[in-house]
Amino acid sequence: MQAMSKKQKKHLRELSGRCYELEMSEALNDLFDYFQKWKKGKIDVWDLNERIHQHHNGTARSLYNFYEVVRNPQNAVAHGVAKGIIEMDDIQKDCHQFVERLIEYHKK
């Protein structure tokens, strides 16, 4: 496999950032559902507080660690494709070789 060019690295970093944003948006939508339940009186303030705590210390922290701490754009993009966050068509053709082998890993 050839070395990745600066342009390819930049493209994969941008896609990784988009995957992070989309995955965090999905997680926040789930949290927002609990805010709506609280507003409607279906759950109390303590249940909502617990969900916020779980989001912050669980989901948000896991996503941060995966996308920001590890900082492996090829892995993040492959994860995004495997989870259906982005499509292969979103990836420039010259970058496919860097993520294709990782996609199967993330599907498991």
Protein backbone atom coordinates (compact mmCIF):
# COMPACT_ATOMS: atom_id res chain seq x y z
CA MET A 1 0.00 0.00 0.00
CA GLN A 2 1.29 3.43 -0.86
CA ALA A 3 1.91 6.17 1.68
CA MET A 4 -0.91 8.59 2.31
CA SER A 5 -0.56 12.08 0.83
CA LYS A 6 -1.26 15.24 2.83
CA LYS A 7 -4.43 15.75 0.77
CA GLN A 8 -5.64 12.22 1.59
CA LYS A 9 -4.84 12.67 5.29
CA LYS A 10 -6.77 15.95 5.33
CA HIS A 11 -9.76 14.36 3.60
CA LEU A 12 -9.87 11.47 6.09
CA ARG A 13 -9.49 13.86 9.06
CA GLU A 14 -12.43 15.91 7.75
CA LEU A 15 -14.56 12.79 7.32
CA SER A 16 -13.56 11.61 10.78
CA GLY A 17 -14.73 14.95 12.17
CA ARG A 18 -18.03 14.61 10.34
CA CYS A 19 -18.50 11.09 11.74
CA TYR A 20 -17.82 12.41 15.24
CA GLU A 21 -20.32 15.21 14.79
CA LEU A 22 -23.02 12.92 13.39
CA GLU A 23 -22.52 10.28 16.07
CA MET A 24 -22.57 12.91 18.84
CA SER A 25 -25.71 14.45 17.32
CA GLU A 26 -27.42 11.06 17.45
CA ALA A 27 -26.42 10.63 21.09
CA LEU A 28 -27.66 14.11 21.96
CA ASN A 29 -30.97 13.41 20.22
CA ASP A 30 -31.38 10.42 22.52
CA LEU A 31 -30.64 12.65 25.51
CA PHE A 32 -33.07 15.27 24.18
CA ASP A 33 -35.83 12.64 24.28
CA TYR A 34 -35.30 12.41 28.03
CA PHE A 35 -35.57 16.18 28.38
CA GLN A 36 -38.91 15.98 26.58
CA LYS A 37 -40.09 13.18 28.86
CA TRP A 38 -39.10 15.28 31.86
CA LYS A 39 -40.96 18.33 30.53
CA LYS A 40 -44.08 16.18 30.05
CA GLY A 41 -43.80 14.83 33.59
CA LYS A 42 -43.08 11.27 32.46
CA ILE A 43 -39.80 11.17 34.38
CA ASP A 44 -38.61 13.19 37.34
CA VAL A 45 -35.65 15.53 37.56
CA TRP A 46 -33.49 12.83 39.16
CA ASP A 47 -34.05 10.42 36.27
CA LEU A 48 -33.12 13.17 33.84
CA ASN A 49 -30.06 14.06 35.88
CA GLU A 50 -28.96 10.42 35.84
CA ARG A 51 -29.34 10.29 32.04
CA ILE A 52 -27.26 13.45 31.68
CA HIS A 53 -24.62 11.91 33.92
CA GLN A 54 -24.66 8.67 31.89
CA HIS A 55 -24.34 10.62 28.65
CA HIS A 56 -21.45 12.73 29.90
CA ASN A 57 -19.47 9.96 31.58
CA GLY A 58 -20.41 7.23 29.10
CA THR A 59 -21.36 8.07 25.55
CA ALA A 60 -19.73 11.49 25.25
CA ARG A 61 -16.51 10.31 26.88
CA SER A 62 -16.34 7.19 24.70
CA LEU A 63 -16.85 9.22 21.55
CA TYR A 64 -14.25 11.77 22.64
CA ASN A 65 -11.72 9.03 23.37
CA PHE A 66 -12.39 7.29 20.06
CA TYR A 67 -12.30 10.37 17.84
CA GLU A 68 -9.99 12.78 19.66
CA VAL A 69 -7.63 10.81 21.89
CA VAL A 70 -6.90 7.92 19.55
CA ARG A 71 -6.88 10.20 16.48
CA ASN A 72 -6.80 7.57 13.78
CA PRO A 73 -8.84 9.03 10.92
CA GLN A 74 -8.72 5.87 8.80
CA ASN A 75 -10.11 3.84 11.67
CA ALA A 76 -12.77 6.46 12.46
CA VAL A 77 -13.91 6.66 8.83
CA ALA A 78 -14.06 2.86 8.56
CA HIS A 79 -16.11 2.81 11.77
CA GLY A 80 -18.42 5.44 10.26
CA VAL A 81 -18.99 3.35 7.14
CA ALA A 82 -19.53 0.15 9.13
CA LYS A 83 -22.14 1.85 11.35
CA GLY A 84 -23.87 3.56 8.42
CA ILE A 85 -22.90 7.04 9.59
CA ILE A 86 -21.33 7.79 6.22
CA GLU A 87 -21.22 5.93 2.90
CA MET A 88 -18.27 4.72 0.84
CA ASP A 89 -19.37 7.27 -1.75
CA ASP A 90 -18.44 10.01 0.75
CA ILE A 91 -14.83 8.85 0.64
CA GLN A 92 -12.59 9.95 -2.19
CA LYS A 93 -11.69 6.99 -4.40
CA ASP A 94 -7.98 7.42 -3.76
CA CYS A 95 -8.61 6.95 -0.02
CA HIS A 96 -10.60 3.71 -0.27
CA GLN A 97 -7.48 1.59 0.08
CA PHE A 98 -6.79 3.07 3.51
CA VAL A 99 -10.19 2.20 5.00
CA GLU A 100 -11.51 -0.85 3.16
CA ARG A 101 -9.64 -3.43 5.25
CA LEU A 102 -10.76 -1.72 8.47
CA ILE A 103 -14.47 -1.66 7.58
CA GLU A 104 -14.88 -5.41 7.99
CA TYR A 105 -13.21 -5.21 11.39
CA HIS A 106 -15.72 -2.57 12.52
CA LYS A 107 -18.68 -4.55 11.20
CA LYS A 108 -17.88 -7.33 13.68
